[in-house]
Amino acid sequence: GGAILDRFMTAVQEIADARSMLLSNVEADLCARMQRLATGELDDVRDARKRFDKTSGDYERARARFLSLTKDAKAGSLKAAEDELHATRQVCETSRFNLMSQLQKVESRKRIEFKRQLAKTMDSHLRFFQLGHRILSDLEPFLQEVITRCDDDETVSESERLKLAGAMADYQVSLGADLHAPSDSEALSLTSDRSRSLAAI
């Protein structure tokens, strides 16, 4: 009855709660982090690449201007071109190392972070199924008891059905016999007719 349903519902609720927690962990630990990796960090790589392309172009232009100076160029012009070349090269190298750092960071995340999160997600699934197995294993003797009770109840129900069917059949037979048997008034009329017939003889 109610106690059996309560026990079943408690087990189902525990499993449902564990499943909700599993899905939350998958969304937070795997999907959300992979989304950040696919958007935020790749955006950082694109920005670093744009800065490198710009500073590299500035350096190449400064280098071209420096190399275009002739031997009779003024010392001031030579010094300005040399300073510009040095400054743009320094900025370009900084941008290059920053780009390399961002690329290495993304590659590291791809090699390590993704596999780590995937392993954690699989571990969460493992713990979820272990919990479900433990709950249902603890419930197994009770389940077998309920099944046995249901079998017994089914046997009793079938016996009662057969008894009821037999009683109904007997009643139908007796009802048919009553319908074919003469009533009291009919029996009295037949007796009177028989008496008159004998008197006439």
N, C-alpha and C. Protein backbone atom coordinates (compact mmCIF):
# COMPACT_ATOMS: atom_id res chain seq x y z
N GLY A 1 0.80 -1.18 0.00
CA GLY A 1 0.00 0.00 0.00
C GLY A 1 0.85 1.25 0.00
N GLY A 2 0.45 2.17 0.90
CA GLY A 2 1.12 3.47 0.93
C GLY A 2 2.58 3.37 1.35
N ALA A 3 2.89 2.47 2.30
CA ALA A 3 4.28 2.33 2.77
C ALA A 3 5.19 1.86 1.64
N ILE A 4 4.69 0.95 0.81
CA ILE A 4 5.50 0.45 -0.32
C ILE A 4 5.77 1.58 -1.31
N LEU A 5 4.72 2.35 -1.64
CA LEU A 5 4.90 3.46 -2.58
C LEU A 5 5.84 4.51 -2.02
N ASP A 6 5.75 4.79 -0.71
CA ASP A 6 6.64 5.77 -0.09
C ASP A 6 8.10 5.33 -0.22
N ARG A 7 8.35 4.06 0.00
CA ARG A 7 9.73 3.57 -0.09
C ARG A 7 10.24 3.64 -1.52
N PHE A 8 9.39 3.28 -2.47
CA PHE A 8 9.78 3.38 -3.87
C PHE A 8 10.06 4.84 -4.26
N MET A 9 9.16 5.74 -3.86
CA MET A 9 9.30 7.14 -4.24
C MET A 9 10.53 7.77 -3.61
N THR A 10 10.88 7.35 -2.39
CA THR A 10 12.09 7.86 -1.75
C THR A 10 13.33 7.47 -2.55
N ALA A 11 13.39 6.22 -2.98
CA ALA A 11 14.54 5.76 -3.77
C ALA A 11 14.61 6.49 -5.11
N VAL A 12 13.46 6.64 -5.76
CA VAL A 12 13.43 7.33 -7.05
C VAL A 12 13.84 8.80 -6.88
N GLN A 13 13.41 9.44 -5.78
CA GLN A 13 13.75 10.84 -5.55
C GLN A 13 15.25 11.01 -5.31
N GLU A 14 15.85 10.08 -4.57
CA GLU A 14 17.30 10.15 -4.34
C GLU A 14 18.06 10.05 -5.65
N ILE A 15 17.63 9.13 -6.50
CA ILE A 15 18.30 8.98 -7.80
C ILE A 15 18.08 10.22 -8.67
N ALA A 16 16.87 10.78 -8.64
CA ALA A 16 16.57 11.98 -9.43
C ALA A 16 17.41 13.17 -8.95
N ASP A 17 17.58 13.32 -7.62
CA ASP A 17 18.41 14.40 -7.09
C ASP A 17 19.86 14.24 -7.53
N ALA A 18 20.35 13.00 -7.48
CA ALA A 18 21.73 12.74 -7.92
C ALA A 18 21.89 13.04 -9.40
N ARG A 19 20.88 12.72 -10.19
CA ARG A 19 20.94 13.00 -11.63
C ARG A 19 20.97 14.51 -11.89
N SER A 20 20.16 15.26 -11.14
CA SER A 20 20.16 16.72 -11.31
C SER A 20 21.52 17.30 -10.98
N MET A 21 22.15 16.79 -9.91
CA MET A 21 23.48 17.26 -9.54
C MET A 21 24.50 16.89 -10.61
N LEU A 22 24.36 15.70 -11.17
CA LEU A 22 25.27 15.28 -12.24
C LEU A 22 25.17 16.21 -13.43
N LEU A 23 23.95 16.52 -13.86
CA LEU A 23 23.77 17.40 -15.01
C LEU A 23 24.30 18.81 -14.73
N SER A 24 24.13 19.28 -13.50
CA SER A 24 24.65 20.60 -13.13
C SER A 24 26.17 20.61 -13.20
N ASN A 25 26.79 19.53 -12.72
CA ASN A 25 28.25 19.44 -12.76
C ASN A 25 28.76 19.38 -14.20
N VAL A 26 28.07 18.63 -15.03
CA VAL A 26 28.47 18.54 -16.43
C VAL A 26 28.39 19.91 -17.10
N GLU A 27 27.30 20.63 -16.81
CA GLU A 27 27.13 21.95 -17.42
C GLU A 27 28.17 22.94 -16.92
N ALA A 28 28.44 22.90 -15.59
CA ALA A 28 29.36 23.88 -15.01
C ALA A 28 30.82 23.52 -15.28
N ASP A 29 31.17 22.24 -15.11
CA ASP A 29 32.57 21.84 -15.18
C ASP A 29 33.06 21.57 -16.60
N LEU A 30 32.17 21.09 -17.44
CA LEU A 30 32.62 20.73 -18.79
C LEU A 30 32.16 21.74 -19.82
N CYS A 31 30.85 21.89 -19.96
CA CYS A 31 30.32 22.75 -21.03
C CYS A 31 30.74 24.21 -20.85
N ALA A 32 30.59 24.74 -19.63
CA ALA A 32 30.90 26.16 -19.40
C ALA A 32 32.39 26.43 -19.62
N ARG A 33 33.24 25.55 -19.12
CA ARG A 33 34.68 25.77 -19.29
C ARG A 33 35.11 25.62 -20.74
N MET A 34 34.52 24.68 -21.42
CA MET A 34 34.84 24.53 -22.84
C MET A 34 34.35 25.74 -23.65
N GLN A 35 33.22 26.30 -23.21
CA GLN A 35 32.71 27.51 -23.86
C GLN A 35 33.67 28.68 -23.65
N ARG A 36 34.17 28.79 -22.41
CA ARG A 36 35.15 29.87 -22.14
C ARG A 36 36.41 29.67 -22.96
N LEU A 37 36.83 28.41 -23.09
CA LEU A 37 38.03 28.13 -23.89
C LEU A 37 37.80 28.48 -25.36
N ALA A 38 36.60 28.19 -25.85
CA ALA A 38 36.30 28.40 -27.27
C ALA A 38 36.06 29.86 -27.60
N THR A 39 35.70 30.66 -26.60
CA THR A 39 35.38 32.07 -26.87
C THR A 39 36.42 33.01 -26.29
N GLY A 40 36.49 33.06 -24.97
CA GLY A 40 37.36 34.04 -24.31
C GLY A 40 38.82 33.90 -24.66
N GLU A 41 39.38 32.69 -24.51
CA GLU A 41 40.81 32.52 -24.73
C GLU A 41 41.17 32.60 -26.22
N LEU A 42 40.31 32.12 -27.08
CA LEU A 42 40.58 32.26 -28.52
C LEU A 42 40.48 33.72 -28.95
N ASP A 43 39.61 34.48 -28.29
CA ASP A 43 39.56 35.92 -28.56
C ASP A 43 40.87 36.57 -28.16
N ASP A 44 41.45 36.13 -27.05
CA ASP A 44 42.75 36.66 -26.62
C ASP A 44 43.83 36.36 -27.66
N VAL A 45 43.77 35.18 -28.24
CA VAL A 45 44.74 34.82 -29.28
C VAL A 45 44.56 35.70 -30.51
N ARG A 46 43.31 35.92 -30.90
CA ARG A 46 43.06 36.78 -32.07
C ARG A 46 43.54 38.21 -31.82
N ASP A 47 43.28 38.72 -30.62
CA ASP A 47 43.73 40.07 -30.30
C ASP A 47 45.25 40.15 -30.29
N ALA A 48 45.90 39.13 -29.74
CA ALA A 48 47.36 39.11 -29.71
C ALA A 48 47.92 39.05 -31.13
N ARG A 49 47.25 38.30 -32.00
CA ARG A 49 47.71 38.21 -33.38
C ARG A 49 47.56 39.54 -34.11
N LYS A 50 46.46 40.24 -33.85
CA LYS A 50 46.26 41.54 -34.47
C LYS A 50 47.34 42.52 -34.02
N ARG A 51 47.64 42.52 -32.71
CA ARG A 51 48.69 43.42 -32.21
C ARG A 51 50.04 43.09 -32.82
N PHE A 52 50.33 41.81 -32.95
CA PHE A 52 51.60 41.41 -33.53
C PHE A 52 51.69 41.83 -35.00
N ASP A 53 50.59 41.62 -35.75
CA ASP A 53 50.61 42.03 -37.15
C ASP A 53 50.83 43.52 -37.30
N LYS A 54 50.20 44.30 -36.41
CA LYS A 54 50.35 45.75 -36.49
C LYS A 54 51.78 46.18 -36.15
N THR A 55 52.30 45.66 -35.03
CA THR A 55 53.65 46.06 -34.60
C THR A 55 54.71 45.53 -35.57
N SER A 56 54.42 44.36 -36.16
CA SER A 56 55.36 43.81 -37.14
C SER A 56 55.41 44.71 -38.38
N GLY A 57 54.23 45.21 -38.78
CA GLY A 57 54.20 46.13 -39.92
C GLY A 57 54.91 47.43 -39.60
N ASP A 58 54.74 47.95 -38.38
CA ASP A 58 55.43 49.18 -37.97
C ASP A 58 56.94 48.98 -37.99
N TYR A 59 57.38 47.81 -37.51
CA TYR A 59 58.81 47.52 -37.48
C TYR A 59 59.39 47.41 -38.89
N GLU A 60 58.65 46.74 -39.78
CA GLU A 60 59.14 46.59 -41.15
C GLU A 60 59.23 47.94 -41.85
N ARG A 61 58.27 48.82 -41.59
CA ARG A 61 58.32 50.16 -42.20
C ARG A 61 59.48 50.97 -41.62
N ALA A 62 59.70 50.88 -40.31
CA ALA A 62 60.83 51.59 -39.70
C ALA A 62 62.16 51.05 -40.23
N ARG A 63 62.22 49.76 -40.40
CA ARG A 63 63.44 49.13 -40.92
C ARG A 63 63.70 49.58 -42.36
N ALA A 64 62.60 49.65 -43.15
CA ALA A 64 62.77 50.08 -44.53
C ALA A 64 63.25 51.53 -44.59
N ARG A 65 62.71 52.38 -43.71
CA ARG A 65 63.16 53.79 -43.70
C ARG A 65 64.62 53.89 -43.27
N PHE A 66 65.01 53.07 -42.29
CA PHE A 66 66.39 53.11 -41.82
C PHE A 66 67.35 52.66 -42.92
N LEU A 67 66.98 51.60 -43.65
CA LEU A 67 67.84 51.08 -44.70
C LEU A 67 67.87 51.99 -45.92
N SER A 68 66.84 52.83 -46.05
CA SER A 68 66.80 53.71 -47.20
C SER A 68 67.70 54.94 -47.04
N LEU A 69 68.19 55.15 -45.81
CA LEU A 69 69.06 56.31 -45.59
C LEU A 69 70.40 56.10 -46.29
N THR A 70 70.89 57.16 -46.86
CA THR A 70 72.18 57.10 -47.57
C THR A 70 73.31 57.41 -46.61
N LYS A 71 74.51 57.19 -47.09
CA LYS A 71 75.67 57.41 -46.24
C LYS A 71 75.82 58.86 -45.84
N ASP A 72 75.36 59.77 -46.70
CA ASP A 72 75.50 61.19 -46.39
C ASP A 72 74.29 61.75 -45.66
N ALA A 73 73.49 60.88 -45.06
CA ALA A 73 72.33 61.35 -44.30
C ALA A 73 72.80 62.09 -43.07
N LYS A 74 71.99 63.04 -42.64
CA LYS A 74 72.35 63.83 -41.47
C LYS A 74 72.36 62.94 -40.22
N ALA A 75 73.22 63.30 -39.32
CA ALA A 75 73.34 62.50 -38.10
C ALA A 75 72.03 62.47 -37.33
N GLY A 76 71.32 63.59 -37.31
CA GLY A 76 70.04 63.64 -36.60
C GLY A 76 69.02 62.70 -37.20
N SER A 77 68.95 62.70 -38.53
CA SER A 77 68.01 61.82 -39.21
C SER A 77 68.37 60.35 -38.99
N LEU A 78 69.67 60.08 -39.02
CA LEU A 78 70.13 58.72 -38.79
C LEU A 78 69.79 58.25 -37.38
N LYS A 79 70.03 59.18 -36.41
CA LYS A 79 69.74 58.83 -35.01
C LYS A 79 68.24 58.62 -34.80
N ALA A 80 67.40 59.45 -35.41
CA ALA A 80 65.94 59.31 -35.27
C ALA A 80 65.46 58.01 -35.90
N ALA A 81 66.01 57.69 -37.06
CA ALA A 81 65.61 56.44 -37.73
C ALA A 81 66.07 55.23 -36.93
N GLU A 82 67.26 55.33 -36.37
CA GLU A 82 67.78 54.22 -35.56
C GLU A 82 66.96 54.03 -34.29
N ASP A 83 66.59 55.15 -33.63
CA ASP A 83 65.75 55.06 -32.42
C ASP A 83 64.37 54.48 -32.74
N GLU A 84 63.80 54.92 -33.88
CA GLU A 84 62.50 54.41 -34.28
C GLU A 84 62.58 52.90 -34.55
N LEU A 85 63.66 52.48 -35.23
CA LEU A 85 63.84 51.07 -35.52
C LEU A 85 63.96 50.26 -34.24
N HIS A 86 64.73 50.78 -33.30
CA HIS A 86 64.92 50.08 -32.03
C HIS A 86 63.59 49.97 -31.25
N ALA A 87 62.85 51.07 -31.22
CA ALA A 87 61.59 51.09 -30.45
C ALA A 87 60.54 50.17 -31.09
N THR A 88 60.42 50.26 -32.41
CA THR A 88 59.41 49.41 -33.07
C THR A 88 59.79 47.94 -32.99
N ARG A 89 61.09 47.67 -33.02
CA ARG A 89 61.52 46.27 -32.89
C ARG A 89 61.19 45.73 -31.49
N GLN A 90 61.43 46.57 -30.50
CA GLN A 90 61.14 46.16 -29.13
C GLN A 90 59.65 45.87 -28.94
N VAL A 91 58.80 46.76 -29.47
CA VAL A 91 57.35 46.56 -29.36
C VAL A 91 56.93 45.32 -30.15
N CYS A 92 57.52 45.12 -31.30
CA CYS A 92 57.20 43.97 -32.14
C CYS A 92 57.59 42.68 -31.44
N GLU A 93 58.76 42.64 -30.83
CA GLU A 93 59.19 41.43 -30.12
C GLU A 93 58.30 41.14 -28.91
N THR A 94 57.90 42.21 -28.23
CA THR A 94 56.99 42.03 -27.10
C THR A 94 55.66 41.43 -27.55
N SER A 95 55.15 41.95 -28.68
CA SER A 95 53.90 41.43 -29.23
C SER A 95 54.06 39.99 -29.69
N ARG A 96 55.22 39.68 -30.25
CA ARG A 96 55.47 38.31 -30.71
C ARG A 96 55.49 37.32 -29.55
N PHE A 97 56.17 37.70 -28.49
CA PHE A 97 56.23 36.82 -27.32
C PHE A 97 54.86 36.69 -26.64
N ASN A 98 54.09 37.78 -26.67
CA ASN A 98 52.75 37.73 -26.11
C ASN A 98 51.86 36.78 -26.92
N LEU A 99 51.99 36.83 -28.25
CA LEU A 99 51.24 35.92 -29.10
C LEU A 99 51.65 34.47 -28.85
N MET A 100 52.95 34.24 -28.75
CA MET A 100 53.43 32.89 -28.47
C MET A 100 52.91 32.39 -27.13
N SER A 101 52.86 33.27 -26.15
CA SER A 101 52.36 32.90 -24.82
C SER A 101 50.88 32.52 -24.88
N GLN A 102 50.08 33.31 -25.62
CA GLN A 102 48.66 33.01 -25.74
C GLN A 102 48.43 31.69 -26.48
N LEU A 103 49.21 31.45 -27.53
CA LEU A 103 49.08 30.20 -28.27
C LEU A 103 49.45 29.01 -27.39
N GLN A 104 50.55 29.17 -26.62
CA GLN A 104 50.97 28.08 -25.73
C GLN A 104 49.92 27.82 -24.66
N LYS A 105 49.30 28.88 -24.17
CA LYS A 105 48.26 28.75 -23.14
C LYS A 105 47.07 27.96 -23.67
N VAL A 106 46.64 28.30 -24.90
CA VAL A 106 45.50 27.59 -25.49
C VAL A 106 45.85 26.14 -25.77
N GLU A 107 47.03 25.89 -26.30
CA GLU A 107 47.45 24.52 -26.58
C GLU A 107 47.53 23.70 -25.30
N SER A 108 48.01 24.34 -24.23
CA SER A 108 48.09 23.65 -22.94
C SER A 108 46.70 23.31 -22.44
N ARG A 109 45.77 24.26 -22.57
CA ARG A 109 44.40 23.99 -22.14
C ARG A 109 43.79 22.87 -22.97
N LYS A 110 44.08 22.85 -24.25
CA LYS A 110 43.52 21.81 -25.11
C LYS A 110 44.09 20.45 -24.73
N ARG A 111 45.38 20.39 -24.41
CA ARG A 111 45.99 19.11 -24.08
C ARG A 111 45.66 18.64 -22.67
N ILE A 112 45.53 19.59 -21.73
CA ILE A 112 45.41 19.22 -20.31
C ILE A 112 44.01 19.48 -19.77
N GLU A 113 43.54 20.73 -19.90
CA GLU A 113 42.29 21.12 -19.24
C GLU A 113 41.10 20.33 -19.78
N PHE A 114 41.02 20.18 -21.09
CA PHE A 114 39.89 19.47 -21.67
C PHE A 114 39.86 18.02 -21.20
N LYS A 115 41.02 17.36 -21.23
CA LYS A 115 41.07 15.95 -20.80
C LYS A 115 40.78 15.84 -19.31
N ARG A 116 41.27 16.81 -18.53
CA ARG A 116 40.99 16.77 -17.09
C ARG A 116 39.49 16.91 -16.81
N GLN A 117 38.86 17.87 -17.46
CA GLN A 117 37.43 18.08 -17.24
C GLN A 117 36.61 16.89 -17.76
N LEU A 118 37.04 16.32 -18.86
CA LEU A 118 36.35 15.15 -19.38
C LEU A 118 36.46 13.98 -18.41
N ALA A 119 37.67 13.80 -17.84
CA ALA A 119 37.86 12.73 -16.86
C ALA A 119 37.00 12.97 -15.62
N LYS A 120 36.92 14.24 -15.16
CA LYS A 120 36.09 14.56 -14.00
C LYS A 120 34.61 14.29 -14.29
N THR A 121 34.20 14.60 -15.51
CA THR A 121 32.81 14.35 -15.89
C THR A 121 32.51 12.86 -15.90
N MET A 122 33.43 12.06 -16.43
CA MET A 122 33.24 10.62 -16.43
C MET A 122 33.22 10.08 -14.99
N ASP A 123 34.05 10.66 -14.13
CA ASP A 123 34.05 10.24 -12.73
C ASP A 123 32.72 10.58 -12.06
N SER A 124 32.16 11.73 -12.40
CA SER A 124 30.84 12.11 -11.87
C SER A 124 29.78 11.12 -12.32
N HIS A 125 29.85 10.69 -13.58
CA HIS A 125 28.91 9.68 -14.08
C HIS A 125 29.09 8.36 -13.32
N LEU A 126 30.35 8.00 -13.09
CA LEU A 126 30.63 6.76 -12.37
C LEU A 126 30.02 6.80 -10.97
N ARG A 127 30.24 7.91 -10.25
CA ARG A 127 29.70 8.03 -8.90
C ARG A 127 28.17 8.04 -8.91
N PHE A 128 27.58 8.64 -9.95
CA PHE A 128 26.12 8.65 -10.07
C PHE A 128 25.57 7.23 -10.22
N PHE A 129 26.19 6.45 -11.11
CA PHE A 129 25.71 5.08 -11.32
C PHE A 129 26.00 4.19 -10.11
N GLN A 130 27.12 4.45 -9.42
CA GLN A 130 27.39 3.70 -8.20
C GLN A 130 26.34 3.98 -7.14
N LEU A 131 25.95 5.26 -7.03
CA LEU A 131 24.90 5.63 -6.07
C LEU A 131 23.59 4.95 -6.42
N GLY A 132 23.22 5.00 -7.71
CA GLY A 132 21.99 4.35 -8.14
C GLY A 132 22.03 2.85 -7.88
N HIS A 133 23.19 2.24 -8.14
CA HIS A 133 23.33 0.80 -7.90
C HIS A 133 23.20 0.49 -6.41
N ARG A 134 23.80 1.33 -5.55
CA ARG A 134 23.71 1.09 -4.11
C ARG A 134 22.27 1.22 -3.62
N ILE A 135 21.58 2.28 -4.07
CA ILE A 135 20.19 2.49 -3.64
C ILE A 135 19.31 1.32 -4.06
N LEU A 136 19.44 0.90 -5.31
CA LEU A 136 18.60 -0.18 -5.81
C LEU A 136 19.01 -1.53 -5.21
N SER A 137 20.32 -1.70 -4.93
CA SER A 137 20.76 -2.95 -4.30
C SER A 137 20.20 -3.06 -2.88
N ASP A 138 20.22 -1.94 -2.15
CA ASP A 138 19.62 -1.95 -0.81
C ASP A 138 18.12 -2.24 -0.88
N LEU A 139 17.52 -1.85 -1.98
CA LEU A 139 16.08 -2.02 -2.14
C LEU A 139 15.71 -3.40 -2.68
N GLU A 140 16.72 -4.15 -3.16
CA GLU A 140 16.44 -5.42 -3.85
C GLU A 140 15.66 -6.43 -2.99
N PRO A 141 16.05 -6.70 -1.71
CA PRO A 141 15.25 -7.64 -0.91
C PRO A 141 13.79 -7.19 -0.78
N PHE A 142 13.60 -5.89 -0.59
CA PHE A 142 12.25 -5.37 -0.48
C PHE A 142 11.50 -5.54 -1.79
N LEU A 143 12.19 -5.34 -2.91
CA LEU A 143 11.56 -5.53 -4.22
C LEU A 143 11.11 -6.98 -4.39
N GLN A 144 11.97 -7.91 -4.02
CA GLN A 144 11.61 -9.32 -4.14
C GLN A 144 10.42 -9.66 -3.24
N GLU A 145 10.41 -9.06 -2.04
CA GLU A 145 9.28 -9.29 -1.13
C GLU A 145 7.98 -8.76 -1.73
N VAL A 146 8.06 -7.57 -2.34
CA VAL A 146 6.86 -6.99 -2.96
C VAL A 146 6.38 -7.86 -4.12
N ILE A 147 7.32 -8.34 -4.93
CA ILE A 147 6.96 -9.20 -6.06
C ILE A 147 6.29 -10.48 -5.56
N THR A 148 6.85 -11.08 -4.49
CA THR A 148 6.26 -12.28 -3.92
C THR A 148 4.86 -12.01 -3.40
N ARG A 149 4.70 -10.87 -2.72
CA ARG A 149 3.37 -10.49 -2.24
C ARG A 149 2.38 -10.34 -3.40
N CYS A 150 2.83 -9.71 -4.46
CA CYS A 150 1.96 -9.52 -5.63
C CYS A 150 1.57 -10.86 -6.23
N ASP A 151 2.53 -11.81 -6.29
CA ASP A 151 2.21 -13.14 -6.80
C ASP A 151 1.16 -13.81 -5.92
N ASP A 152 1.35 -13.71 -4.60
CA ASP A 152 0.37 -14.30 -3.68
C ASP A 152 -1.00 -13.64 -3.83
N ASP A 153 -0.98 -12.31 -3.92
CA ASP A 153 -2.24 -11.59 -4.09
C ASP A 153 -2.92 -11.98 -5.40
N GLU A 154 -2.12 -12.19 -6.43
CA GLU A 154 -2.68 -12.59 -7.72
C GLU A 154 -3.33 -13.97 -7.62
N THR A 155 -2.68 -14.87 -6.88
CA THR A 155 -3.24 -16.21 -6.70
C THR A 155 -4.56 -16.15 -5.93
N VAL A 156 -4.58 -15.36 -4.85
CA VAL A 156 -5.81 -15.21 -4.06
C VAL A 156 -6.90 -14.57 -4.91
N SER A 157 -6.53 -13.55 -5.67
CA SER A 157 -7.51 -12.86 -6.51
C SER A 157 -8.10 -13.81 -7.55
N GLU A 158 -7.26 -14.64 -8.13
CA GLU A 158 -7.74 -15.60 -9.14
C GLU A 158 -8.68 -16.62 -8.49
N SER A 159 -8.32 -17.07 -7.27
CA SER A 159 -9.18 -18.01 -6.56
C SER A 159 -10.54 -17.39 -6.25
N GLU A 160 -10.50 -16.14 -5.81
CA GLU A 160 -11.76 -15.46 -5.51
C GLU A 160 -12.59 -15.25 -6.77
N ARG A 161 -11.89 -14.98 -7.89
CA ARG A 161 -12.61 -14.80 -9.16
C ARG A 161 -13.30 -16.09 -9.57
N LEU A 162 -12.60 -17.21 -9.41
CA LEU A 162 -13.20 -18.50 -9.77
C LEU A 162 -14.38 -18.83 -8.86
N LYS A 163 -14.24 -18.54 -7.56
CA LYS A 163 -15.35 -18.78 -6.64
C LYS A 163 -16.56 -17.94 -7.01
N LEU A 164 -16.30 -16.67 -7.32
CA LEU A 164 -17.40 -15.79 -7.71
C LEU A 164 -18.06 -16.27 -9.00
N ALA A 165 -17.25 -16.70 -9.95
CA ALA A 165 -17.80 -17.19 -11.22
C ALA A 165 -18.64 -18.44 -10.97
N GLY A 166 -18.17 -19.33 -10.07
CA GLY A 166 -18.94 -20.53 -9.75
C GLY A 166 -20.26 -20.20 -9.07
N ALA A 167 -20.20 -19.26 -8.12
CA ALA A 167 -21.43 -18.86 -7.43
C ALA A 167 -22.43 -18.24 -8.40
N MET A 168 -21.91 -17.42 -9.32
CA MET A 168 -22.79 -16.80 -10.31
C MET A 168 -23.41 -17.86 -11.21
N ALA A 169 -22.63 -18.86 -11.58
CA ALA A 169 -23.15 -19.93 -12.44
C ALA A 169 -24.22 -20.73 -11.71
N ASP A 170 -23.95 -21.05 -10.43
CA ASP A 170 -24.94 -21.79 -9.65
C ASP A 170 -26.23 -20.99 -9.52
N TYR A 171 -26.07 -19.70 -9.30
CA TYR A 171 -27.26 -18.85 -9.15
C TYR A 171 -28.07 -18.82 -10.44
N GLN A 172 -27.35 -18.72 -11.58
CA GLN A 172 -28.04 -18.71 -12.87
C GLN A 172 -28.79 -20.03 -13.09
N VAL A 173 -28.16 -21.14 -12.68
CA VAL A 173 -28.82 -22.45 -12.84
C VAL A 173 -30.06 -22.52 -11.97
N SER A 174 -29.92 -22.09 -10.70
CA SER A 174 -31.08 -22.13 -9.80
C SER A 174 -32.17 -21.18 -10.26
N LEU A 175 -31.78 -20.05 -10.79
CA LEU A 175 -32.76 -19.09 -11.29
C LEU A 175 -33.51 -19.69 -12.48
N GLY A 176 -32.83 -20.42 -13.34
CA GLY A 176 -33.47 -21.06 -14.48
C GLY A 176 -34.42 -22.15 -14.03
N ALA A 177 -34.05 -22.90 -13.00
CA ALA A 177 -34.91 -23.96 -12.48
C ALA A 177 -36.18 -23.38 -11.89
N ASP A 178 -36.01 -22.27 -11.19
CA ASP A 178 -37.18 -21.61 -10.61
C ASP A 178 -38.13 -21.11 -11.68
N LEU A 179 -37.58 -20.66 -12.78
CA LEU A 179 -38.43 -20.15 -13.86
C LEU A 179 -39.23 -21.26 -14.52
N HIS A 180 -38.64 -22.48 -14.59
CA HIS A 180 -39.34 -23.60 -15.23
C HIS A 180 -40.26 -24.33 -14.27
N ALA A 181 -40.07 -24.18 -12.96
CA ALA A 181 -40.95 -24.86 -11.98
C ALA A 181 -42.26 -24.08 -11.87
N PRO A 182 -43.49 -24.83 -11.67
CA PRO A 182 -44.78 -24.12 -11.55
C PRO A 182 -44.85 -23.33 -10.26
N SER A 183 -45.56 -22.23 -10.34
CA SER A 183 -45.74 -21.41 -9.16
C SER A 183 -46.78 -22.04 -8.26
N ASP A 184 -46.97 -21.49 -7.06
CA ASP A 184 -47.97 -22.03 -6.10
C ASP A 184 -49.37 -21.96 -6.67
N SER A 185 -49.72 -20.85 -7.34
CA SER A 185 -51.07 -20.71 -7.90
C SER A 185 -51.28 -21.70 -9.03
N GLU A 186 -50.21 -21.91 -9.83
CA GLU A 186 -50.32 -22.87 -10.91
C GLU A 186 -50.48 -24.27 -10.36
N ALA A 187 -49.73 -24.56 -9.30
CA ALA A 187 -49.84 -25.90 -8.68
C ALA A 187 -51.23 -26.11 -8.10
N LEU A 188 -51.83 -25.10 -7.45
CA LEU A 188 -53.18 -25.20 -6.89
C LEU A 188 -54.21 -25.41 -7.98
N SER A 189 -54.04 -24.69 -9.12
CA SER A 189 -54.97 -24.83 -10.24
C SER A 189 -54.91 -26.23 -10.81
N LEU A 190 -53.73 -26.79 -10.94
CA LEU A 190 -53.60 -28.16 -11.46
C LEU A 190 -54.24 -29.17 -10.53
N THR A 191 -54.13 -28.96 -9.24
CA THR A 191 -54.73 -29.87 -8.25
C THR A 191 -56.25 -29.82 -8.34
N SER A 192 -56.78 -28.62 -8.49
CA SER A 192 -58.26 -28.49 -8.61
C SER A 192 -58.75 -29.16 -9.85
N ASP A 193 -58.05 -28.98 -10.99
CA ASP A 193 -58.45 -29.60 -12.24
C ASP A 193 -58.44 -31.11 -12.11
N ARG A 194 -57.39 -31.64 -11.43
CA ARG A 194 -57.30 -33.09 -11.26
C ARG A 194 -58.45 -33.61 -10.41
N SER A 195 -58.86 -32.83 -9.37
CA SER A 195 -59.95 -33.26 -8.50
C SER A 195 -61.27 -33.30 -9.25
N ARG A 196 -61.52 -32.33 -10.08
CA ARG A 196 -62.76 -32.28 -10.86
C ARG A 196 -62.81 -33.43 -11.86
N SER A 197 -61.65 -33.73 -12.42
CA SER A 197 -61.60 -34.83 -13.39
C SER A 197 -61.93 -36.14 -12.71
N LEU A 198 -61.42 -36.39 -11.53
CA LEU A 198 -61.68 -37.62 -10.81
C LEU A 198 -63.13 -37.70 -10.39
N ALA A 199 -63.72 -36.55 -10.00
CA ALA A 199 -65.14 -36.53 -9.59
C ALA A 199 -66.05 -36.88 -10.75
N ALA A 200 -65.71 -36.45 -11.92
CA ALA A 200 -66.52 -36.71 -13.10
C ALA A 200 -66.48 -38.19 -13.44
N ILE A 201 -65.42 -38.83 -13.16
CA ILE A 201 -65.30 -40.25 -13.46
C ILE A 201 -66.17 -41.02 -12.49
